[in-house]
C-alpha atoms as a PDB file:
ATOM      1  CA  MET A   1     123.161  68.114 -43.346  1.00  0.00           C
ATOM      2  CA  LEU A   2     120.865  66.356 -40.423  1.00  0.00           C
ATOM      3  CA  VAL A   3     120.382  68.816 -37.338  1.00  0.00           C
ATOM      4  CA  ARG A   4     119.531  67.281 -34.053  1.00  0.00           C
ATOM      5  CA  LEU A   5     116.678  69.401 -32.927  1.00  0.00           C
ATOM      6  CA  ARG A   6     116.268  69.689 -28.885  1.00  0.00           C
ATOM      7  CA  ARG A   7     114.003  71.174 -26.236  1.00  0.00           C
ATOM      8  CA  LYS A   8     114.377  73.610 -24.113  1.00  0.00           C
ATOM      9  CA  GLY A   9     115.919  72.177 -20.929  1.00  0.00           C
ATOM     10  CA  GLU A  10     116.847  68.560 -22.815  1.00  0.00           C
ATOM     11  CA  GLY A  11     119.714  66.908 -21.004  1.00  0.00           C
ATOM     12  CA  GLN A  12     118.455  68.434 -17.458  1.00  0.00           C
ATOM     13  CA  GLY A  13     115.971  66.515 -16.075  1.00  0.00           C
ATOM     14  CA  LEU A  14     113.491  67.103 -19.281  1.00  0.00           C
ATOM     15  CA  PRO A  15     111.824  65.314 -21.461  1.00  0.00           C
ATOM     16  CA  ALA A  16     112.843  66.117 -25.251  1.00  0.00           C
ATOM     17  CA  PHE A  17     109.621  65.261 -27.700  1.00  0.00           C
ATOM     18  CA  GLY A  18     108.199  62.658 -25.700  1.00  0.00           C
ATOM     19  CA  ALA A  19     109.915  59.334 -24.038  1.00  0.00           C
ATOM     20  CA  GLY A  20     112.902  58.373 -25.937  1.00  0.00           C
ATOM     21  CA  GLU A  21     112.493  60.241 -29.443  1.00  0.00           C
ATOM     22  CA  VAL A  22     114.962  61.374 -31.341  1.00  0.00           C
ATOM     23  CA  VAL A  23     114.147  64.321 -33.809  1.00  0.00           C
ATOM     24  CA  PHE A  24     116.432  64.733 -36.732  1.00  0.00           C
ATOM     25  CA  MET A  25     115.120  67.564 -39.591  1.00  0.00           C
ATOM     26  CA  THR A  26     116.673  67.441 -42.281  1.00  0.00           C
ATOM     27  CA  LYS A  27     118.122  71.143 -44.141  1.00  0.00           C
ATOM     28  CA  HIS A  28     115.484  71.694 -47.942  1.00  0.00           C
ATOM     29  CA  TYR A  29     115.393  74.924 -48.109  1.00  0.00           C
ATOM     30  CA  ASN A  30     117.668  77.586 -49.860  1.00  0.00           C
ATOM     31  CA  LYS A  31     120.550  75.291 -49.692  1.00  0.00           C
ATOM     32  CA  SER A  32     124.018  77.021 -50.306  1.00  0.00           C
ATOM     33  CA  SER A  33     125.108  74.129 -53.030  1.00  0.00           C
ATOM     34  CA  GLU A  34     122.018  76.548 -55.213  1.00  0.00           C
ATOM     35  CA  LYS A  35     123.216  80.167 -54.371  1.00  0.00           C
ATOM     36  CA  GLU A  36     124.690  80.301 -57.626  1.00  0.00           C
ATOM     37  CA  LYS A  37     121.888  78.778 -59.361  1.00  0.00           C
ATOM     38  CA  ARG A  38     119.267  81.197 -57.735  1.00  0.00           C
ATOM     39  CA  ARG A  39     122.236  84.046 -58.256  1.00  0.00           C
ATOM     40  CA  SER A  40     122.023  83.564 -61.926  1.00  0.00           C
ATOM     41  CA  LEU A  41     117.910  83.244 -61.974  1.00  0.00           C
ATOM     42  CA  ARG A  42     117.847  86.845 -60.207  1.00  0.00           C
ATOM     43  CA  GLN A  43     120.401  88.204 -62.277  1.00  0.00           C
ATOM     44  CA  ASN A  44     118.717  86.772 -65.822  1.00  0.00           C
ATOM     45  CA  GLN A  45     115.165  86.923 -65.001  1.00  0.00           C
ATOM     46  CA  THR A  46     112.613  87.749 -67.285  1.00  0.00           C
ATOM     47  CA  PHE A  47     109.963  91.115 -68.464  1.00  0.00           C
ATOM     48  CA  LEU A  48     107.233  89.407 -66.638  1.00  0.00           C
ATOM     49  CA  GLU A  49     109.436  88.615 -63.902  1.00  0.00           C
ATOM     50  CA  GLU A  50     110.700  92.195 -63.725  1.00  0.00           C
ATOM     51  CA  ILE A  51     106.998  93.211 -63.325  1.00  0.00           C
ATOM     52  CA  LEU A  52     105.892  91.131 -61.158  1.00  0.00           C
ATOM     53  CA  TRP A  53     108.377  90.637 -58.046  1.00  0.00           C
ATOM     54  CA  MET A  54     107.673  95.027 -58.476  1.00  0.00           C
ATOM     55  CA  HIS A  55     104.522  94.356 -57.348  1.00  0.00           C
ATOM     56  CA  LEU A  56     105.438  91.382 -54.570  1.00  0.00           C
ATOM     57  CA  CYS A  57     108.609  93.265 -52.876  1.00  0.00           C
ATOM     58  CA  ASN A  58     108.848  95.084 -50.199  1.00  0.00           C
ATOM     59  CA  ARG A  59     104.956  93.826 -48.616  1.00  0.00           C
ATOM     60  CA  LYS A  60     103.272  95.221 -51.248  1.00  0.00           C
ATOM     61  CA  CYS A  61     100.530  92.668 -51.973  1.00  0.00           C
ATOM     62  CA  LEU A  62      98.668  92.261 -49.014  1.00  0.00           C
ATOM     63  CA  GLY A  63     101.782  92.970 -46.893  1.00  0.00           C
ATOM     64  CA  ILE A  64     102.766  89.396 -47.241  1.00  0.00           C
ATOM     65  CA  LYS A  65     106.760  88.571 -47.784  1.00  0.00           C
ATOM     66  CA  PHE A  66     107.447  87.219 -50.987  1.00  0.00           C
ATOM     67  CA  ARG A  67     110.981  85.587 -51.705  1.00  0.00           C
ATOM     68  CA  ARG A  68     112.194  85.823 -54.935  1.00  0.00           C
ATOM     69  CA  GLN A  69     114.300  82.082 -57.051  1.00  0.00           C
ATOM     70  CA  TYR A  70     113.783  80.441 -53.806  1.00  0.00           C
ATOM     71  CA  SER A  71     115.166  76.286 -53.491  1.00  0.00           C
ATOM     72  CA  VAL A  72     113.947  73.730 -52.638  1.00  0.00           C
ATOM     73  CA  ASP A  73     116.862  70.972 -52.397  1.00  0.00           C
ATOM     74  CA  GLN A  74     117.892  71.083 -56.444  1.00  0.00           C
ATOM     75  CA  TYR A  75     114.032  72.954 -57.285  1.00  0.00           C
ATOM     76  CA  VAL A  76     113.852  76.888 -57.922  1.00  0.00           C
ATOM     77  CA  ILE A  77     111.036  78.522 -57.530  1.00  0.00           C
ATOM     78  CA  ASP A  78     109.961  81.713 -59.346  1.00  0.00           C
ATOM     79  CA  PHE A  79     108.601  83.217 -55.616  1.00  0.00           C
ATOM     80  CA  TYR A  80     107.788  82.558 -52.573  1.00  0.00           C
ATOM     81  CA  ALA A  81     105.426  83.098 -50.058  1.00  0.00           C
ATOM     82  CA  PRO A  82     107.069  81.348 -46.406  1.00  0.00           C
ATOM     83  CA  GLU A  83     103.891  82.679 -43.911  1.00  0.00           C
ATOM     84  CA  LEU A  84     101.578  80.983 -46.742  1.00  0.00           C
ATOM     85  CA  LYS A  85     103.454  78.389 -48.247  1.00  0.00           C
ATOM     86  CA  LEU A  86     102.841  80.102 -51.758  1.00  0.00           C
ATOM     87  CA  ALA A  87     104.931  79.253 -54.386  1.00  0.00           C
ATOM     88  CA  VAL A  88     103.950  81.314 -57.824  1.00  0.00           C
ATOM     89  CA  GLU A  89     105.784  79.969 -60.975  1.00  0.00           C
ATOM     90  CA  LEU A  90     105.676  81.867 -64.155  1.00  0.00           C
ATOM     91  CA  ASP A  91     106.767  79.897 -67.547  1.00  0.00           C
ATOM     92  CA  GLY A  92     107.246  80.735 -71.007  1.00  0.00           C
ATOM     93  CA  GLY A  93     105.691  78.919 -73.791  1.00  0.00           C
ATOM     94  CA  VAL A  94     108.973  76.551 -73.465  1.00  0.00           C
ATOM     95  CA  HIS A  95     107.211  74.928 -71.181  1.00  0.00           C
ATOM     96  CA  ASP A  96     104.059  73.563 -72.994  1.00  0.00           C
ATOM     97  CA  GLU A  97     106.605  71.484 -74.736  1.00  0.00           C
ATOM     98  CA  PRO A  98     106.593  67.090 -73.970  1.00  0.00           C
ATOM     99  CA  SER A  99     109.569  67.133 -71.571  1.00  0.00           C
ATOM    100  CA  PRO A 100     109.344  70.472 -69.572  1.00  0.00           C
ATOM    101  CA  LYS A 101     105.987  69.580 -68.665  1.00  0.00           C
ATOM    102  CA  ALA A 102     107.011  66.228 -67.316  1.00  0.00           C
ATOM    103  CA  TYR A 103     110.265  68.293 -65.326  1.00  0.00           C
ATOM    104  CA  ASP A 104     107.858  70.899 -64.219  1.00  0.00           C
ATOM    105  CA  ALA A 105     105.118  68.108 -63.162  1.00  0.00           C
ATOM    106  CA  GLU A 106     107.886  65.882 -61.505  1.00  0.00           C
ATOM    107  CA  ARG A 107     108.957  69.335 -59.281  1.00  0.00           C
ATOM    108  CA  GLN A 108     105.818  70.152 -57.979  1.00  0.00           C
ATOM    109  CA  LYS A 109     104.303  67.194 -56.896  1.00  0.00           C
ATOM    110  CA  TYR A 110     108.060  67.024 -55.061  1.00  0.00           C
ATOM    111  CA  ILE A 111     107.923  70.689 -53.477  1.00  0.00           C
ATOM    112  CA  GLU A 112     104.398  69.978 -52.112  1.00  0.00           C
ATOM    113  CA  THR A 113     105.443  66.930 -50.686  1.00  0.00           C
ATOM    114  CA  PHE A 114     106.999  69.947 -48.032  1.00  0.00           C
ATOM    115  CA  GLY A 115     103.104  71.838 -47.477  1.00  0.00           C
ATOM    116  CA  ILE A 116     104.082  73.727 -50.317  1.00  0.00           C
ATOM    117  CA  THR A 117     100.823  75.065 -52.744  1.00  0.00           C
ATOM    118  CA  PHE A 118     101.359  76.521 -56.300  1.00  0.00           C
END
């Protein structure tokens, strides 16, 4: 989904982001197509995710807002702090296997292109 960004007053004689420049922004975060996946992950979180969430929810950690099961395109992050662009992942032993490890590396590299750090 592409959304055209406009500056206040655009179309009223004021320049929009420079001479003839058109700026587009693609929606990548919490897509509705990933909603059921996020909901399922929230309802079936691991014991360690539950414990961590108890300490992160409601700004309990240094007053920082964290979101649970936040998606960036098709990838879902366990916990995400938008103010800091910080992702927190809790991975079990299955992620030590070669296939999940490669997937996790590809996923992290993709998410980091949005300025999000792990």
